[in-house]
């Protein structure tokens, strides 16, 4: 823990921790202070004025980042026949039906996103207790239960990410690699914030987006000026 503390202390040197940064300045600062041996992830955290314990205040959805996350996403698809062929052609890593269900029940979960054709939900529904807690359960509202399995696979592979508000009202996500060009990171941030804005639930009262911060995996967190994100 001491090493981490020293690293963060050094990362914050010369920074005003109370300052609200313009998006361009925040991204530039984070990129300039990245000093790890690996390509860090740019992470965003948004504190929202909602109480997700109430159904009409839950914030959840999908967003297509224009420049992807920089991560390799393994996709599993529940499909049969022509739909299975479409999924494979679109780049799905795992395609199956009852056989895939059996693998998952036996503890083999070697994927990051799960997609299902509508006619497979009878099978997928039996995996709710396994996939649900891991955030992998296909959901029609998120576009992961769809007749267009090929389109869903391509979206997942090209940078579509899921967001979901935590109990504390915070939404966070990795939205790119620090090695990305500044312009690409800025566009990814704007796309994510736009998606959260559009997902404002009917039950939200008062200020919806309270705070937004950016950080790298091992770097300092910078508060953003919400009025200058768009």
C-alpha atoms as a PDB file:
ATOM      1  CA  UNK A   1       0.000   0.000   0.000  1.00  0.00           C
ATOM      2  CA  UNK A   2       2.898   2.371   0.708  1.00  0.00           C
ATOM      3  CA  UNK A   3       4.091   2.154  -2.891  1.00  0.00           C
ATOM      4  CA  UNK A   4       0.651   3.000  -4.221  1.00  0.00           C
ATOM      5  CA  UNK A   5       0.409   5.922  -1.815  1.00  0.00           C
ATOM      6  CA  UNK A   6       3.743   7.337  -2.920  1.00  0.00           C
ATOM      7  CA  UNK A   7       2.845   6.920  -6.572  1.00  0.00           C
ATOM      8  CA  UNK A   8      -0.441   8.746  -6.182  1.00  0.00           C
ATOM      9  CA  UNK A   9       1.184  11.467  -4.103  1.00  0.00           C
ATOM     10  CA  UNK A  10       3.674  12.041  -6.894  1.00  0.00           C
ATOM     11  CA  UNK A  11       0.899  11.947  -9.509  1.00  0.00           C
ATOM     12  CA  UNK A  12      -0.916  14.767  -7.715  1.00  0.00           C
ATOM     13  CA  UNK A  13       2.178  16.965  -7.411  1.00  0.00           C
ATOM     14  CA  UNK A  14       1.502  20.393  -8.891  1.00  0.00           C
ATOM     15  CA  UNK A  15      -2.216  19.722  -9.357  1.00  0.00           C
ATOM     16  CA  UNK A  16      -5.041  21.679  -7.782  1.00  0.00           C
ATOM     17  CA  UNK A  17      -7.301  18.921  -6.473  1.00  0.00           C
ATOM     18  CA  UNK A  18     -10.176  21.371  -6.018  1.00  0.00           C
ATOM     19  CA  UNK A  19     -10.051  22.726  -9.562  1.00  0.00           C
ATOM     20  CA  UNK A  20     -12.745  21.920 -12.110  1.00  0.00           C
ATOM     21  CA  UNK A  21     -10.988  21.193 -15.409  1.00  0.00           C
ATOM     22  CA  UNK A  22     -12.195  21.740 -18.928  1.00  0.00           C
ATOM     23  CA  UNK A  23     -12.394  18.377 -20.725  1.00  0.00           C
ATOM     24  CA  UNK A  24      -9.521  19.128 -23.106  1.00  0.00           C
ATOM     25  CA  UNK A  25      -7.234  20.196 -20.263  1.00  0.00           C
ATOM     26  CA  UNK A  26      -8.143  17.174 -18.137  1.00  0.00           C
ATOM     27  CA  UNK A  27      -7.402  14.701 -20.945  1.00  0.00           C
ATOM     28  CA  UNK A  28      -4.122  16.440 -21.790  1.00  0.00           C
ATOM     29  CA  UNK A  29      -3.061  16.453 -18.137  1.00  0.00           C
ATOM     30  CA  UNK A  30      -3.879  12.789 -17.602  1.00  0.00           C
ATOM     31  CA  UNK A  31      -2.015  11.753 -20.752  1.00  0.00           C
ATOM     32  CA  UNK A  32       0.980  13.855 -19.792  1.00  0.00           C
ATOM     33  CA  UNK A  33       1.208  12.337 -16.316  1.00  0.00           C
ATOM     34  CA  UNK A  34       0.893   8.685 -17.327  1.00  0.00           C
ATOM     35  CA  UNK A  35       4.143   6.991 -16.349  1.00  0.00           C
ATOM     36  CA  UNK A  36       3.296   3.292 -16.081  1.00  0.00           C
ATOM     37  CA  UNK A  37       4.840   0.493 -18.123  1.00  0.00           C
ATOM     38  CA  UNK A  38       1.407  -0.549 -19.409  1.00  0.00           C
ATOM     39  CA  UNK A  39      -1.221   1.285 -21.430  1.00  0.00           C
ATOM     40  CA  UNK A  40      -3.570   2.662 -18.800  1.00  0.00           C
ATOM     41  CA  UNK A  41      -7.330   2.928 -19.191  1.00  0.00           C
ATOM     42  CA  UNK A  42      -9.030   6.321 -19.129  1.00  0.00           C
ATOM     43  CA  UNK A  43     -11.814   5.988 -16.590  1.00  0.00           C
ATOM     44  CA  UNK A  44     -14.850   8.184 -16.063  1.00  0.00           C
ATOM     45  CA  UNK A  45     -17.015   8.426 -12.943  1.00  0.00           C
ATOM     46  CA  UNK A  46     -20.298  10.316 -12.855  1.00  0.00           C
ATOM     47  CA  UNK A  47     -22.154  11.109  -9.644  1.00  0.00           C
ATOM     48  CA  UNK A  48     -25.858  11.330 -10.493  1.00  0.00           C
ATOM     49  CA  UNK A  49     -28.780  12.786  -8.577  1.00  0.00           C
ATOM     50  CA  UNK A  50     -30.732   9.526  -8.522  1.00  0.00           C
ATOM     51  CA  UNK A  51     -31.600   6.787  -6.056  1.00  0.00           C
ATOM     52  CA  UNK A  52     -31.396   3.544  -8.068  1.00  0.00           C
ATOM     53  CA  UNK A  53     -33.235   1.670  -5.330  1.00  0.00           C
ATOM     54  CA  UNK A  54     -36.355   3.129  -6.972  1.00  0.00           C
ATOM     55  CA  UNK A  55     -37.210   1.587 -10.344  1.00  0.00           C
ATOM     56  CA  UNK A  56     -38.047   4.967 -11.884  1.00  0.00           C
ATOM     57  CA  UNK A  57     -34.576   6.292 -11.008  1.00  0.00           C
ATOM     58  CA  UNK A  58     -32.403   3.491 -12.387  1.00  0.00           C
ATOM     59  CA  UNK A  59     -29.909   4.554 -15.041  1.00  0.00           C
ATOM     60  CA  UNK A  60     -28.859   1.738 -17.356  1.00  0.00           C
ATOM     61  CA  UNK A  61     -28.107   1.316 -21.020  1.00  0.00           C
ATOM     62  CA  UNK A  62     -25.554   0.856 -23.773  1.00  0.00           C
ATOM     63  CA  UNK A  63     -23.381   3.371 -25.570  1.00  0.00           C
ATOM     64  CA  UNK A  64     -21.324   3.002 -28.725  1.00  0.00           C
ATOM     65  CA  UNK A  65     -17.990   4.712 -28.149  1.00  0.00           C
ATOM     66  CA  UNK A  66     -16.839   6.215 -31.461  1.00  0.00           C
ATOM     67  CA  UNK A  67     -13.267   5.000 -30.965  1.00  0.00           C
ATOM     68  CA  UNK A  68     -13.847   1.889 -28.879  1.00  0.00           C
ATOM     69  CA  UNK A  69     -12.252   1.032 -25.549  1.00  0.00           C
ATOM     70  CA  UNK A  70      -8.985  -0.396 -26.813  1.00  0.00           C
ATOM     71  CA  UNK A  71      -9.813  -3.695 -25.149  1.00  0.00           C
ATOM     72  CA  UNK A  72     -10.436  -7.039 -26.828  1.00  0.00           C
ATOM     73  CA  UNK A  73     -13.994  -8.140 -26.075  1.00  0.00           C
ATOM     74  CA  UNK A  74     -14.879 -11.826 -26.136  1.00  0.00           C
ATOM     75  CA  UNK A  75     -18.487 -12.366 -27.184  1.00  0.00           C
ATOM     76  CA  UNK A  76     -20.664 -15.415 -26.593  1.00  0.00           C
ATOM     77  CA  UNK A  77     -23.896 -15.888 -28.531  1.00  0.00           C
ATOM     78  CA  UNK A  78     -26.815 -18.179 -27.846  1.00  0.00           C
ATOM     79  CA  UNK A  79     -28.178 -19.094 -31.264  1.00  0.00           C
ATOM     80  CA  UNK A  80     -29.009 -22.018 -33.535  1.00  0.00           C
ATOM     81  CA  UNK A  81     -29.111 -22.623 -37.261  1.00  0.00           C
ATOM     82  CA  UNK A  82     -28.770 -19.586 -39.551  1.00  0.00           C
ATOM     83  CA  UNK A  83     -28.522 -17.212 -36.578  1.00  0.00           C
ATOM     84  CA  UNK A  84     -25.566 -19.167 -35.253  1.00  0.00           C
ATOM     85  CA  UNK A  85     -23.898 -18.920 -38.661  1.00  0.00           C
ATOM     86  CA  UNK A  86     -24.537 -15.156 -38.725  1.00  0.00           C
ATOM     87  CA  UNK A  87     -22.999 -14.751 -35.282  1.00  0.00           C
ATOM     88  CA  UNK A  88     -19.875 -16.693 -36.262  1.00  0.00           C
ATOM     89  CA  UNK A  89     -19.498 -14.689 -39.470  1.00  0.00           C
ATOM     90  CA  UNK A  90     -19.771 -11.440 -37.455  1.00  0.00           C
ATOM     91  CA  UNK A  91     -16.854 -12.489 -35.244  1.00  0.00           C
ATOM     92  CA  UNK A  92     -18.472 -14.107 -32.200  1.00  0.00           C
ATOM     93  CA  UNK A  93     -15.915 -16.006 -30.126  1.00  0.00           C
ATOM     94  CA  UNK A  94     -18.337 -18.611 -28.756  1.00  0.00           C
ATOM     95  CA  UNK A  95     -21.624 -19.729 -30.296  1.00  0.00           C
ATOM     96  CA  UNK A  96     -23.900 -22.411 -28.909  1.00  0.00           C
ATOM     97  CA  UNK A  97     -27.207 -23.353 -27.360  1.00  0.00           C
ATOM     98  CA  UNK A  98     -27.804 -26.096 -24.776  1.00  0.00           C
ATOM     99  CA  UNK A  99     -24.116 -27.023 -25.053  1.00  0.00           C
ATOM    100  CA  UNK A 100     -23.081 -23.474 -24.151  1.00  0.00           C
ATOM    101  CA  UNK A 101     -25.551 -23.470 -21.278  1.00  0.00           C
ATOM    102  CA  UNK A 102     -23.974 -26.666 -19.922  1.00  0.00           C
ATOM    103  CA  UNK A 103     -20.474 -25.132 -20.096  1.00  0.00           C
ATOM    104  CA  UNK A 104     -21.625 -22.065 -18.177  1.00  0.00           C
ATOM    105  CA  UNK A 105     -23.382 -24.183 -15.565  1.00  0.00           C
ATOM    106  CA  UNK A 106     -20.099 -26.052 -15.106  1.00  0.00           C
ATOM    107  CA  UNK A 107     -18.318 -22.793 -14.361  1.00  0.00           C
ATOM    108  CA  UNK A 108     -16.740 -22.049 -17.734  1.00  0.00           C
ATOM    109  CA  UNK A 109     -17.434 -18.384 -18.456  1.00  0.00           C
ATOM    110  CA  UNK A 110     -14.823 -17.319 -20.970  1.00  0.00           C
ATOM    111  CA  UNK A 111     -16.467 -14.197 -22.396  1.00  0.00           C
ATOM    112  CA  UNK A 112     -17.127 -10.516 -21.647  1.00  0.00           C
ATOM    113  CA  UNK A 113     -20.482 -10.036 -23.385  1.00  0.00           C
ATOM    114  CA  UNK A 114     -23.395 -12.422 -23.862  1.00  0.00           C
ATOM    115  CA  UNK A 115     -25.918 -12.062 -26.685  1.00  0.00           C
ATOM    116  CA  UNK A 116     -28.968 -14.185 -27.401  1.00  0.00           C
ATOM    117  CA  UNK A 117     -31.431 -14.670 -30.218  1.00  0.00           C
ATOM    118  CA  UNK A 118     -35.010 -14.250 -28.882  1.00  0.00           C
ATOM    119  CA  UNK A 119     -35.877 -17.925 -29.419  1.00  0.00           C
ATOM    120  CA  UNK A 120     -33.019 -18.929 -27.097  1.00  0.00           C
ATOM    121  CA  UNK A 121     -34.296 -17.134 -23.997  1.00  0.00           C
ATOM    122  CA  UNK A 122     -35.915 -20.309 -22.717  1.00  0.00           C
ATOM    123  CA  UNK A 123     -32.411 -21.717 -22.412  1.00  0.00           C
ATOM    124  CA  UNK A 124     -30.700 -18.507 -21.307  1.00  0.00           C
ATOM    125  CA  UNK A 125     -33.344 -17.868 -18.651  1.00  0.00           C
ATOM    126  CA  UNK A 126     -32.077 -20.895 -16.735  1.00  0.00           C
ATOM    127  CA  UNK A 127     -28.723 -19.141 -16.303  1.00  0.00           C
ATOM    128  CA  UNK A 128     -30.052 -16.042 -14.548  1.00  0.00           C
ATOM    129  CA  UNK A 129     -28.451 -16.866 -11.188  1.00  0.00           C
ATOM    130  CA  UNK A 130     -25.080 -17.406 -12.868  1.00  0.00           C
ATOM    131  CA  UNK A 131     -24.976 -14.625 -15.459  1.00  0.00           C
ATOM    132  CA  UNK A 132     -27.048 -12.028 -13.608  1.00  0.00           C
ATOM    133  CA  UNK A 133     -24.622 -11.294 -10.735  1.00  0.00           C
ATOM    134  CA  UNK A 134     -21.798 -10.976 -13.284  1.00  0.00           C
ATOM    135  CA  UNK A 135     -23.705  -8.444 -15.378  1.00  0.00           C
ATOM    136  CA  UNK A 136     -23.720 -10.841 -18.340  1.00  0.00           C
ATOM    137  CA  UNK A 137     -27.413 -11.695 -18.599  1.00  0.00           C
ATOM    138  CA  UNK A 138     -28.770 -10.802 -22.075  1.00  0.00           C
ATOM    139  CA  UNK A 139     -31.404  -8.082 -21.951  1.00  0.00           C
ATOM    140  CA  UNK A 140     -33.640  -6.801 -24.765  1.00  0.00           C
ATOM    141  CA  UNK A 141     -33.459  -3.245 -23.369  1.00  0.00           C
ATOM    142  CA  UNK A 142     -29.691  -3.328 -23.848  1.00  0.00           C
ATOM    143  CA  UNK A 143     -29.858  -4.823 -27.321  1.00  0.00           C
ATOM    144  CA  UNK A 144     -28.292  -8.089 -26.220  1.00  0.00           C
ATOM    145  CA  UNK A 145     -31.480 -10.062 -26.867  1.00  0.00           C
ATOM    146  CA  UNK A 146     -32.102  -9.410 -30.529  1.00  0.00           C
ATOM    147  CA  UNK A 147     -32.867 -11.116 -33.840  1.00  0.00           C
ATOM    148  CA  UNK A 148     -29.941  -9.145 -35.273  1.00  0.00           C
ATOM    149  CA  UNK A 149     -27.242 -11.158 -33.527  1.00  0.00           C
ATOM    150  CA  UNK A 150     -24.664 -10.203 -36.159  1.00  0.00           C
ATOM    151  CA  UNK A 151     -25.237  -6.501 -35.538  1.00  0.00           C
ATOM    152  CA  UNK A 152     -25.002  -6.975 -31.775  1.00  0.00           C
ATOM    153  CA  UNK A 153     -21.730  -8.875 -32.112  1.00  0.00           C
ATOM    154  CA  UNK A 154     -20.213  -6.191 -34.337  1.00  0.00           C
ATOM    155  CA  UNK A 155     -21.336  -3.464 -31.914  1.00  0.00           C
ATOM    156  CA  UNK A 156     -19.749  -5.267 -28.966  1.00  0.00           C
ATOM    157  CA  UNK A 157     -16.519  -5.802 -30.865  1.00  0.00           C
ATOM    158  CA  UNK A 158     -16.295  -2.196 -32.042  1.00  0.00           C
ATOM    159  CA  UNK A 159     -16.722  -0.457 -28.700  1.00  0.00           C
ATOM    160  CA  UNK A 160     -20.273  -0.782 -27.410  1.00  0.00           C
ATOM    161  CA  UNK A 161     -20.218  -0.734 -23.604  1.00  0.00           C
ATOM    162  CA  UNK A 162     -22.885  -1.152 -20.948  1.00  0.00           C
ATOM    163  CA  UNK A 163     -23.387   1.321 -18.131  1.00  0.00           C
ATOM    164  CA  UNK A 164     -25.352   0.872 -14.930  1.00  0.00           C
ATOM    165  CA  UNK A 165     -25.833   3.107 -11.934  1.00  0.00           C
ATOM    166  CA  UNK A 166     -24.533   1.714  -8.633  1.00  0.00           C
ATOM    167  CA  UNK A 167     -26.442   1.906  -5.346  1.00  0.00           C
ATOM    168  CA  UNK A 168     -24.555   5.095  -4.488  1.00  0.00           C
ATOM    169  CA  UNK A 169     -25.756   6.851  -7.650  1.00  0.00           C
ATOM    170  CA  UNK A 170     -22.391   6.568  -9.407  1.00  0.00           C
ATOM    171  CA  UNK A 171     -21.826   5.360 -12.960  1.00  0.00           C
ATOM    172  CA  UNK A 172     -18.285   4.526 -13.981  1.00  0.00           C
ATOM    173  CA  UNK A 173     -16.654   2.987 -17.029  1.00  0.00           C
ATOM    174  CA  UNK A 174     -13.408   2.570 -18.911  1.00  0.00           C
ATOM    175  CA  UNK A 175     -13.702   4.632 -22.079  1.00  0.00           C
ATOM    176  CA  UNK A 176     -10.410   4.238 -23.905  1.00  0.00           C
ATOM    177  CA  UNK A 177      -6.665   3.849 -23.556  1.00  0.00           C
ATOM    178  CA  UNK A 178      -4.422   6.691 -22.422  1.00  0.00           C
ATOM    179  CA  UNK A 179      -2.370   6.074 -25.587  1.00  0.00           C
ATOM    180  CA  UNK A 180      -5.322   7.178 -27.751  1.00  0.00           C
ATOM    181  CA  UNK A 181      -5.085  10.583 -29.426  1.00  0.00           C
ATOM    182  CA  UNK A 182      -6.530  13.351 -27.267  1.00  0.00           C
ATOM    183  CA  UNK A 183      -9.266  14.061 -29.818  1.00  0.00           C
ATOM    184  CA  UNK A 184     -10.430  10.431 -29.734  1.00  0.00           C
ATOM    185  CA  UNK A 185     -10.523  10.336 -25.941  1.00  0.00           C
ATOM    186  CA  UNK A 186     -12.480  13.588 -25.860  1.00  0.00           C
ATOM    187  CA  UNK A 187     -15.037  12.231 -28.340  1.00  0.00           C
ATOM    188  CA  UNK A 188     -15.392   9.035 -26.293  1.00  0.00           C
ATOM    189  CA  UNK A 189     -16.006  11.067 -23.133  1.00  0.00           C
ATOM    190  CA  UNK A 190     -18.588  13.223 -24.878  1.00  0.00           C
ATOM    191  CA  UNK A 191     -20.369  10.152 -26.273  1.00  0.00           C
ATOM    192  CA  UNK A 192     -20.531   8.572 -22.821  1.00  0.00           C
ATOM    193  CA  UNK A 193     -21.817  11.728 -21.122  1.00  0.00           C
ATOM    194  CA  UNK A 194     -24.385  12.210 -23.894  1.00  0.00           C
ATOM    195  CA  UNK A 195     -25.631   8.646 -23.375  1.00  0.00           C
ATOM    196  CA  UNK A 196     -25.989   9.182 -19.624  1.00  0.00           C
ATOM    197  CA  UNK A 197     -27.818  12.448 -20.268  1.00  0.00           C
ATOM    198  CA  UNK A 198     -30.267  10.750 -22.653  1.00  0.00           C
ATOM    199  CA  UNK A 199     -30.815   7.964 -20.120  1.00  0.00           C
ATOM    200  CA  UNK A 200     -32.125  10.381 -17.469  1.00  0.00           C
ATOM    201  CA  UNK A 201     -34.931   8.480 -15.710  1.00  0.00           C
ATOM    202  CA  UNK A 202     -38.400   9.904 -15.208  1.00  0.00           C
ATOM    203  CA  UNK A 203     -38.026   9.823 -11.431  1.00  0.00           C
ATOM    204  CA  UNK A 204     -34.863  11.948 -11.310  1.00  0.00           C
ATOM    205  CA  UNK A 205     -35.370  15.157  -9.354  1.00  0.00           C
ATOM    206  CA  UNK A 206     -33.174  18.234  -9.026  1.00  0.00           C
ATOM    207  CA  UNK A 207     -29.662  18.246 -10.476  1.00  0.00           C
ATOM    208  CA  UNK A 208     -29.159  15.095 -12.550  1.00  0.00           C
ATOM    209  CA  UNK A 209     -25.409  15.190 -13.270  1.00  0.00           C
ATOM    210  CA  UNK A 210     -23.767  16.345 -10.042  1.00  0.00           C
ATOM    211  CA  UNK A 211     -20.091  15.558 -10.553  1.00  0.00           C
ATOM    212  CA  UNK A 212     -17.892  14.086 -13.276  1.00  0.00           C
ATOM    213  CA  UNK A 213     -14.282  13.030 -12.901  1.00  0.00           C
ATOM    214  CA  UNK A 214     -11.626  11.483 -15.125  1.00  0.00           C
ATOM    215  CA  UNK A 215      -8.597   9.448 -14.158  1.00  0.00           C
ATOM    216  CA  UNK A 216      -6.178   6.909 -15.549  1.00  0.00           C
ATOM    217  CA  UNK A 217      -5.810   3.459 -14.009  1.00  0.00           C
ATOM    218  CA  UNK A 218      -2.933   4.507 -11.742  1.00  0.00           C
ATOM    219  CA  UNK A 219      -3.163   8.287 -12.044  1.00  0.00           C
ATOM    220  CA  UNK A 220      -4.882  11.186 -10.307  1.00  0.00           C
ATOM    221  CA  UNK A 221      -8.581  11.893 -10.552  1.00  0.00           C
ATOM    222  CA  UNK A 222      -9.510  15.257 -12.044  1.00  0.00           C
ATOM    223  CA  UNK A 223     -12.892  16.923 -11.568  1.00  0.00           C
ATOM    224  CA  UNK A 224     -14.499  18.131 -14.791  1.00  0.00           C
ATOM    225  CA  UNK A 225     -16.397  21.331 -15.389  1.00  0.00           C
ATOM    226  CA  UNK A 226     -19.732  19.799 -16.361  1.00  0.00           C
ATOM    227  CA  UNK A 227     -20.722  22.895 -18.336  1.00  0.00           C
ATOM    228  CA  UNK A 228     -17.770  22.447 -20.702  1.00  0.00           C
ATOM    229  CA  UNK A 229     -18.050  18.750 -21.567  1.00  0.00           C
ATOM    230  CA  UNK A 230     -20.286  19.074 -24.618  1.00  0.00           C
END
